Structures are given as structure tokens and as C-alpha cells.
Amino acid sequence: MLLQKKKEIETLLANHRVEIETGKLRVFLIDECHLMWGDAIGYVWGKTDQEITVPVVNE
């Protein structure tokens, strides 16, 4: 299973190699991750009863 996943990632990167090398596509992280509700909460300081948004700019 692990070798199959590695091959899948290698193929994905190879298929987008030109875009990656020219800077049109950025690869930050490729990982298989299973999150449960609440796993990604708590990384920003603020009041718990108010939603905090973090703007992400896709340049």
C-alpha cells in the first residue's frame, strides 16, 4: 500500500512538473491525513465564541 501511494504521488508531481518548475503551481505538502472534527482548532489566539478567519492569498 505504501509503495502504491508513493508511486501515485510521484506520478502526480511528474504530471505537473512544468507548472511546478515555472512557479505556476506550488506544492506545499502532499500527505494523506485523516482529521477528526476539532483537530485543526486552536491554532489562533482569540475569543472562543468568535470565529477568526485567516486570509490565504493564492498568487
PDB file of N, CA and C in Angstrom:
ATOM      1  N   MET A   1       0.825  -1.200   0.000  1.00  0.00           N
ATOM      2  CA  MET A   1       0.000   0.000   0.000  1.00  0.00           C
ATOM      3  C   MET A   1       0.864   1.256   0.000  1.00  0.00           C
ATOM      4  N   LEU A   2       1.926   1.257   0.815  1.00  0.00           N
ATOM      5  CA  LEU A   2       2.797   2.418   0.905  1.00  0.00           C
ATOM      6  C   LEU A   2       3.503   2.685  -0.420  1.00  0.00           C
ATOM      7  N   LEU A   3       3.992   1.636  -1.070  1.00  0.00           N
ATOM      8  CA  LEU A   3       4.662   1.814  -2.362  1.00  0.00           C
ATOM      9  C   LEU A   3       3.690   2.301  -3.428  1.00  0.00           C
ATOM     10  N   GLN A   4       2.459   1.841  -3.357  1.00  0.00           N
ATOM     11  CA  GLN A   4       1.431   2.291  -4.294  1.00  0.00           C
ATOM     12  C   GLN A   4       1.158   3.783  -4.100  1.00  0.00           C
ATOM     13  N   LYS A   5       1.072   4.229  -2.854  1.00  0.00           N
ATOM     14  CA  LYS A   5       0.824   5.643  -2.557  1.00  0.00           C
ATOM     15  C   LYS A   5       2.006   6.490  -3.008  1.00  0.00           C
ATOM     16  N   LYS A   6       3.231   6.004  -2.786  1.00  0.00           N
ATOM     17  CA  LYS A   6       4.429   6.723  -3.221  1.00  0.00           C
ATOM     18  C   LYS A   6       4.419   6.896  -4.735  1.00  0.00           C
ATOM     19  N   LYS A   7       4.076   5.843  -5.453  1.00  0.00           N
ATOM     20  CA  LYS A   7       4.020   5.900  -6.917  1.00  0.00           C
ATOM     21  C   LYS A   7       2.945   6.890  -7.370  1.00  0.00           C
ATOM     22  N   GLU A   8       1.811   6.907  -6.687  1.00  0.00           N
ATOM     23  CA  GLU A   8       0.727   7.834  -7.012  1.00  0.00           C
ATOM     24  C   GLU A   8       1.188   9.289  -6.857  1.00  0.00           C
ATOM     25  N   ILE A   9       1.908   9.573  -5.783  1.00  0.00           N
ATOM     26  CA  ILE A   9       2.418  10.930  -5.555  1.00  0.00           C
ATOM     27  C   ILE A   9       3.470  11.288  -6.596  1.00  0.00           C
ATOM     28  N   GLU A  10       4.376  10.354  -6.904  1.00  0.00           N
ATOM     29  CA  GLU A  10       5.401  10.605  -7.924  1.00  0.00           C
ATOM     30  C   GLU A  10       4.766  10.910  -9.277  1.00  0.00           C
ATOM     31  N   THR A  11       3.730  10.178  -9.630  1.00  0.00           N
ATOM     32  CA  THR A  11       3.031  10.399 -10.898  1.00  0.00           C
ATOM     33  C   THR A  11       2.346  11.758 -10.912  1.00  0.00           C
ATOM     34  N   LEU A  12       1.700  12.111  -9.819  1.00  0.00           N
ATOM     35  CA  LEU A  12       1.031  13.406  -9.714  1.00  0.00           C
ATOM     36  C   LEU A  12       2.029  14.547  -9.903  1.00  0.00           C
ATOM     37  N   LEU A  13       3.169  14.462  -9.232  1.00  0.00           N
ATOM     38  CA  LEU A  13       4.191  15.503  -9.361  1.00  0.00           C
ATOM     39  C   LEU A  13       4.782  15.535 -10.768  1.00  0.00           C
ATOM     40  N   ALA A  14       5.012  14.378 -11.350  1.00  0.00           N
ATOM     41  CA  ALA A  14       5.567  14.311 -12.707  1.00  0.00           C
ATOM     42  C   ALA A  14       4.605  14.918 -13.721  1.00  0.00           C
ATOM     43  N   ASN A  15       3.315  14.681 -13.543  1.00  0.00           N
ATOM     44  CA  ASN A  15       2.315  15.221 -14.469  1.00  0.00           C
ATOM     45  C   ASN A  15       2.224  16.743 -14.410  1.00  0.00           C
ATOM     46  N   HIS A  16       2.645  17.328 -13.308  1.00  0.00           N
ATOM     47  CA  HIS A  16       2.567  18.785 -13.132  1.00  0.00           C
ATOM     48  C   HIS A  16       3.949  19.426 -13.030  1.00  0.00           C
ATOM     49  N   ARG A  17       4.964  18.724 -13.501  1.00  0.00           N
ATOM     50  CA  ARG A  17       6.351  19.181 -13.364  1.00  0.00           C
ATOM     51  C   ARG A  17       6.588  20.560 -13.974  1.00  0.00           C
ATOM     52  N   VAL A  18       6.085  20.794 -15.174  1.00  0.00           N
ATOM     53  CA  VAL A  18       6.304  22.077 -15.853  1.00  0.00           C
ATOM     54  C   VAL A  18       5.709  23.218 -15.039  1.00  0.00           C
ATOM     55  N   GLU A  19       4.477  23.047 -14.583  1.00  0.00           N
ATOM     56  CA  GLU A  19       3.827  24.092 -13.792  1.00  0.00           C
ATOM     57  C   GLU A  19       4.566  24.345 -12.479  1.00  0.00           C
ATOM     58  N   ILE A  20       5.070  23.286 -11.866  1.00  0.00           N
ATOM     59  CA  ILE A  20       5.808  23.431 -10.608  1.00  0.00           C
ATOM     60  C   ILE A  20       7.116  24.180 -10.845  1.00  0.00           C
ATOM     61  N   GLU A  21       7.851  23.788 -11.881  1.00  0.00           N
ATOM     62  CA  GLU A  21       9.148  24.405 -12.154  1.00  0.00           C
ATOM     63  C   GLU A  21       9.030  25.852 -12.615  1.00  0.00           C
ATOM     64  N   THR A  22       7.940  26.203 -13.274  1.00  0.00           N
ATOM     65  CA  THR A  22       7.763  27.584 -13.731  1.00  0.00           C
ATOM     66  C   THR A  22       7.106  28.463 -12.671  1.00  0.00           C
ATOM     67  N   GLY A  23       6.723  27.881 -11.561  1.00  0.00           N
ATOM     68  CA  GLY A  23       6.134  28.658 -10.476  1.00  0.00           C
ATOM     69  C   GLY A  23       4.642  28.878 -10.611  1.00  0.00           C
ATOM     70  N   LYS A  24       4.018  28.261 -11.597  1.00  0.00           N
ATOM     71  CA  LYS A  24       2.568  28.404 -11.755  1.00  0.00           C
ATOM     72  C   LYS A  24       1.804  27.545 -10.752  1.00  0.00           C
ATOM     73  N   LEU A  25       2.459  26.547 -10.223  1.00  0.00           N
ATOM     74  CA  LEU A  25       1.841  25.647  -9.248  1.00  0.00           C
ATOM     75  C   LEU A  25       2.828  25.434  -8.109  1.00  0.00           C
ATOM     76  N   ARG A  26       2.349  25.580  -6.899  1.00  0.00           N
ATOM     77  CA  ARG A  26       3.193  25.362  -5.724  1.00  0.00           C
ATOM     78  C   ARG A  26       2.695  24.139  -4.973  1.00  0.00           C
ATOM     79  N   VAL A  27       3.618  23.317  -4.593  1.00  0.00           N
ATOM     80  CA  VAL A  27       3.299  22.131  -3.807  1.00  0.00           C
ATOM     81  C   VAL A  27       3.824  22.369  -2.402  1.00  0.00           C
ATOM     82  N   PHE A  28       2.925  22.547  -1.474  1.00  0.00           N
ATOM     83  CA  PHE A  28       3.323  22.792  -0.093  1.00  0.00           C
ATOM     84  C   PHE A  28       3.503  21.479   0.660  1.00  0.00           C
ATOM     85  N   LEU A  29       2.592  20.576   0.478  1.00  0.00           N
ATOM     86  CA  LEU A  29       2.650  19.325   1.215  1.00  0.00           C
ATOM     87  C   LEU A  29       1.702  18.332   0.558  1.00  0.00           C
ATOM     88  N   ILE A  30       2.201  17.158   0.348  1.00  0.00           N
ATOM     89  CA  ILE A  30       1.334  16.080  -0.120  1.00  0.00           C
ATOM     90  C   ILE A  30       1.389  15.010   0.957  1.00  0.00           C
ATOM     91  N   ASP A  31       0.260  14.733   1.537  1.00  0.00           N
ATOM     92  CA  ASP A  31       0.201  13.773   2.624  1.00  0.00           C
ATOM     93  C   ASP A  31      -1.222  13.238   2.699  1.00  0.00           C
ATOM     94  N   GLU A  32      -1.345  12.045   3.168  1.00  0.00           N
ATOM     95  CA  GLU A  32      -2.673  11.502   3.408  1.00  0.00           C
ATOM     96  C   GLU A  32      -2.925  11.630   4.899  1.00  0.00           C
ATOM     97  N   CYS A  33      -3.920  12.382   5.236  1.00  0.00           N
ATOM     98  CA  CYS A  33      -4.173  12.683   6.636  1.00  0.00           C
ATOM     99  C   CYS A  33      -5.667  12.575   6.910  1.00  0.00           C
ATOM    100  N   HIS A  34      -5.983  11.994   8.004  1.00  0.00           N
ATOM    101  CA  HIS A  34      -7.385  11.855   8.385  1.00  0.00           C
ATOM    102  C   HIS A  34      -7.615  12.667   9.655  1.00  0.00           C
ATOM    103  N   LEU A  35      -8.326  13.760   9.515  1.00  0.00           N
ATOM    104  CA  LEU A  35      -8.601  14.630  10.655  1.00  0.00           C
ATOM    105  C   LEU A  35     -10.014  14.403  11.166  1.00  0.00           C
ATOM    106  N   MET A  36     -10.149  14.532  12.441  1.00  0.00           N
ATOM    107  CA  MET A  36     -11.458  14.478  13.063  1.00  0.00           C
ATOM    108  C   MET A  36     -11.868  15.908  13.384  1.00  0.00           C
ATOM    109  N   TRP A  37     -13.165  16.155  13.555  1.00  0.00           N
ATOM    110  CA  TRP A  37     -13.637  17.493  13.880  1.00  0.00           C
ATOM    111  C   TRP A  37     -12.932  17.968  15.150  1.00  0.00           C
ATOM    112  N   GLY A  38     -12.372  19.166  15.085  1.00  0.00           N
ATOM    113  CA  GLY A  38     -11.692  19.732  16.237  1.00  0.00           C
ATOM    114  C   GLY A  38     -10.180  19.571  16.200  1.00  0.00           C
ATOM    115  N   ASP A  39      -9.665  18.721  15.319  1.00  0.00           N
ATOM    116  CA  ASP A  39      -8.222  18.507  15.251  1.00  0.00           C
ATOM    117  C   ASP A  39      -7.461  19.756  14.820  1.00  0.00           C
ATOM    118  N   ALA A  40      -8.075  20.578  13.995  1.00  0.00           N
ATOM    119  CA  ALA A  40      -7.390  21.766  13.475  1.00  0.00           C
ATOM    120  C   ALA A  40      -7.903  23.046  14.127  1.00  0.00           C
ATOM    121  N   ILE A  41      -8.446  22.929  15.303  1.00  0.00           N
ATOM    122  CA  ILE A  41      -8.960  24.095  16.014  1.00  0.00           C
ATOM    123  C   ILE A  41      -8.001  24.439  17.150  1.00  0.00           C
ATOM    124  N   GLY A  42      -7.791  25.731  17.362  1.00  0.00           N
ATOM    125  CA  GLY A  42      -6.990  26.144  18.499  1.00  0.00           C
ATOM    126  C   GLY A  42      -5.607  26.643  18.151  1.00  0.00           C
ATOM    127  N   TYR A  43      -5.341  26.891  16.877  1.00  0.00           N
ATOM    128  CA  TYR A  43      -4.028  27.355  16.471  1.00  0.00           C
ATOM    129  C   TYR A  43      -3.956  28.872  16.337  1.00  0.00           C
ATOM    130  N   VAL A  44      -5.020  29.564  16.666  1.00  0.00           N
ATOM    131  CA  VAL A  44      -5.072  31.023  16.602  1.00  0.00           C
ATOM    132  C   VAL A  44      -5.576  31.521  17.947  1.00  0.00           C
ATOM    133  N   TRP A  45      -4.937  32.564  18.458  1.00  0.00           N
ATOM    134  CA  TRP A  45      -5.381  33.146  19.721  1.00  0.00           C
ATOM    135  C   TRP A  45      -6.580  34.039  19.479  1.00  0.00           C
ATOM    136  N   GLY A  46      -7.575  33.892  20.283  1.00  0.00           N
ATOM    137  CA  GLY A  46      -8.751  34.733  20.161  1.00  0.00           C
ATOM    138  C   GLY A  46      -9.846  34.239  21.087  1.00  0.00           C
ATOM    139  N   LYS A  47     -10.941  34.943  21.060  1.00  0.00           N
ATOM    140  CA  LYS A  47     -12.084  34.565  21.890  1.00  0.00           C
ATOM    141  C   LYS A  47     -12.741  33.324  21.302  1.00  0.00           C
ATOM    142  N   THR A  48     -13.085  32.393  22.153  1.00  0.00           N
ATOM    143  CA  THR A  48     -13.628  31.127  21.678  1.00  0.00           C
ATOM    144  C   THR A  48     -15.029  31.248  21.108  1.00  0.00           C
ATOM    145  N   ASP A  49     -15.733  32.329  21.433  1.00  0.00           N
ATOM    146  CA  ASP A  49     -17.089  32.489  20.918  1.00  0.00           C
ATOM    147  C   ASP A  49     -17.132  33.311  19.628  1.00  0.00           C
ATOM    148  N   GLN A  50     -15.966  33.631  19.071  1.00  0.00           N
ATOM    149  CA  GLN A  50     -15.909  34.405  17.830  1.00  0.00           C
ATOM    150  C   GLN A  50     -15.056  33.665  16.804  1.00  0.00           C
ATOM    151  N   GLU A  51     -15.558  33.611  15.586  1.00  0.00           N
ATOM    152  CA  GLU A  51     -14.811  32.972  14.509  1.00  0.00           C
ATOM    153  C   GLU A  51     -13.661  33.872  14.074  1.00  0.00           C
ATOM    154  N   ILE A  52     -12.511  33.276  13.867  1.00  0.00           N
ATOM    155  CA  ILE A  52     -11.346  34.014  13.388  1.00  0.00           C
ATOM    156  C   ILE A  52     -11.001  33.468  12.009  1.00  0.00           C
ATOM    157  N   THR A  53     -10.906  34.350  11.038  1.00  0.00           N
ATOM    158  CA  THR A  53     -10.536  33.912   9.694  1.00  0.00           C
ATOM    159  C   THR A  53      -9.103  34.320   9.407  1.00  0.00           C
ATOM    160  N   VAL A  54      -8.422  33.469   8.677  1.00  0.00           N
ATOM    161  CA  VAL A  54      -7.046  33.747   8.271  1.00  0.00           C
ATOM    162  C   VAL A  54      -7.038  33.799   6.752  1.00  0.00           C
ATOM    163  N   PRO A  55      -6.812  34.986   6.179  1.00  0.00           N
ATOM    164  CA  PRO A  55      -6.833  35.095   4.724  1.00  0.00           C
ATOM    165  C   PRO A  55      -5.637  34.377   4.093  1.00  0.00           C
ATOM    166  N   VAL A  56      -5.904  33.654   3.023  1.00  0.00           N
ATOM    167  CA  VAL A  56      -4.860  32.965   2.275  1.00  0.00           C
ATOM    168  C   VAL A  56      -4.890  33.509   0.860  1.00  0.00           C
ATOM    169  N   VAL A  57      -3.757  33.990   0.395  1.00  0.00           N
ATOM    170  CA  VAL A  57      -3.674  34.579  -0.935  1.00  0.00           C
ATOM    171  C   VAL A  57      -3.038  33.573  -1.884  1.00  0.00           C
ATOM    172  N   ASN A  58      -3.709  33.261  -2.953  1.00  0.00           N
ATOM    173  CA  ASN A  58      -3.196  32.367  -3.979  1.00  0.00           C
ATOM    174  C   ASN A  58      -2.593  33.229  -5.076  1.00  0.00           C
ATOM    175  N   GLU A  59      -1.288  33.366  -5.052  1.00  0.00           N
ATOM    176  CA  GLU A  59      -0.615  34.250  -6.010  1.00  0.00           C
ATOM    177  C   GLU A  59      -0.210  33.517  -7.259  1.00  0.00           C
TER     178      GLU A  59
END
